[in-house]
């Protein structure tokens, strides 16, 4: 589990999901939606409604179930809330949740 904080509103940030990850969860700890994507350049604008953006609502724990990252992957994120906090949980095995 790793905690992250959005340090500037409506600005794209990124983190690395390590190779071999087979379970991925994101826990939105703040009072605003968190926008994430594996595509660069689409999360900064709050009005972006493309299918490439996943919105995790305030206070929601999102389990992505079985995933398989055979190489490192970049996850891009943004929020309209300064100091937005969230946790990313990666697992080397499939989640039995």
Protein backbone atom coordinates (compact mmCIF):
# COMPACT_ATOMS: atom_id res chain seq x y z
CA UNK A 1 0.00 0.00 0.00
CA UNK A 2 1.30 3.41 -0.93
CA UNK A 3 -0.30 6.77 -0.04
CA UNK A 4 -0.41 9.55 -2.64
CA UNK A 5 -1.40 13.23 -2.52
CA UNK A 6 -2.43 15.49 -5.40
CA UNK A 7 -0.30 18.60 -4.88
CA UNK A 8 -1.89 20.80 -7.57
CA UNK A 9 -5.53 20.81 -8.66
CA UNK A 10 -6.46 19.71 -12.20
CA UNK A 11 -2.86 18.75 -12.99
CA UNK A 12 -1.74 15.38 -14.31
CA UNK A 13 0.56 13.33 -12.08
CA UNK A 14 1.78 9.78 -12.55
CA UNK A 15 2.90 6.73 -10.64
CA UNK A 16 4.31 3.37 -11.70
CA UNK A 17 2.42 0.11 -11.30
CA UNK A 18 5.20 -2.49 -11.08
CA UNK A 19 5.63 -5.41 -13.44
CA UNK A 20 4.09 -8.59 -12.07
CA UNK A 21 1.15 -6.84 -10.39
CA UNK A 22 -1.93 -9.08 -10.50
CA UNK A 23 -4.16 -7.22 -8.04
CA UNK A 24 -4.86 -3.48 -8.05
CA UNK A 25 -7.03 -1.42 -5.71
CA UNK A 26 -7.41 2.32 -5.20
CA UNK A 27 -8.89 3.81 -2.05
CA UNK A 28 -10.12 7.39 -2.56
CA UNK A 29 -9.73 8.98 0.89
CA UNK A 30 -10.91 12.48 -0.01
CA UNK A 31 -14.19 14.29 -0.60
CA UNK A 32 -13.85 14.75 -4.37
CA UNK A 33 -13.69 12.33 -7.32
CA UNK A 34 -10.27 11.05 -8.37
CA UNK A 35 -9.62 10.76 -12.12
CA UNK A 36 -7.26 8.02 -13.35
CA UNK A 37 -6.15 6.65 -16.70
CA UNK A 38 -3.41 4.60 -18.32
CA UNK A 39 -3.39 7.16 -21.17
CA UNK A 40 -1.43 10.39 -20.78
CA UNK A 41 -3.02 13.79 -21.32
CA UNK A 42 -6.65 12.98 -20.44
CA UNK A 43 -7.05 13.28 -16.64
CA UNK A 44 -6.22 16.96 -15.95
CA UNK A 45 -9.47 18.41 -17.32
CA UNK A 46 -12.38 17.70 -14.95
CA UNK A 47 -14.81 17.85 -17.88
CA UNK A 48 -13.05 15.10 -19.87
CA UNK A 49 -15.67 12.43 -20.45
CA UNK A 50 -13.69 10.08 -22.67
CA UNK A 51 -13.83 6.37 -22.03
CA UNK A 52 -10.11 6.55 -21.24
CA UNK A 53 -10.77 8.22 -17.87
CA UNK A 54 -11.97 6.26 -14.84
CA UNK A 55 -13.60 8.38 -12.15
CA UNK A 56 -13.44 7.04 -8.59
CA UNK A 57 -16.03 8.85 -6.51
CA UNK A 58 -15.30 10.40 -3.10
CA UNK A 59 -14.69 7.86 -0.34
CA UNK A 60 -14.91 4.85 -2.69
CA UNK A 61 -12.61 1.81 -2.58
CA UNK A 62 -12.20 0.54 -6.18
CA UNK A 63 -11.01 -3.03 -6.71
CA UNK A 64 -9.92 -3.69 -10.28
CA UNK A 65 -10.01 -7.45 -9.73
CA UNK A 66 -7.64 -9.59 -11.73
CA UNK A 67 -5.09 -7.61 -13.71
CA UNK A 68 -1.81 -8.73 -15.21
CA UNK A 69 0.94 -6.20 -15.73
CA UNK A 70 3.73 -8.04 -17.56
CA UNK A 71 5.73 -4.78 -17.67
CA UNK A 72 5.77 -1.61 -15.57
CA UNK A 73 2.71 0.56 -16.33
CA UNK A 74 2.16 4.26 -15.78
CA UNK A 75 -1.04 5.29 -14.03
CA UNK A 76 -1.96 8.96 -14.52
CA UNK A 77 -4.12 10.73 -11.95
CA UNK A 78 -5.66 14.12 -11.18
CA UNK A 79 -8.27 15.77 -8.98
CA UNK A 80 -9.89 19.17 -8.67
CA UNK A 81 -9.07 19.08 -4.95
CA UNK A 82 -5.69 20.33 -3.72
CA UNK A 83 -4.11 17.84 -1.24
CA UNK A 84 -6.43 15.06 -2.41
CA UNK A 85 -5.31 11.83 -0.67
CA UNK A 86 -5.63 8.28 -1.94
CA UNK A 87 -4.00 4.88 -1.48
CA UNK A 88 -2.85 2.49 -4.19
CA UNK A 89 -2.67 -1.18 -3.27
CA UNK A 90 -0.78 -3.50 -5.61
CA UNK A 91 -0.55 -7.25 -5.12
CA UNK A 92 1.77 -9.78 -6.73
CA UNK A 93 -1.04 -12.35 -6.64
CA UNK A 94 -4.65 -12.37 -7.80
CA UNK A 95 -7.08 -10.89 -5.31
CA UNK A 96 -9.55 -13.29 -3.74
CA UNK A 97 -11.76 -10.38 -2.69
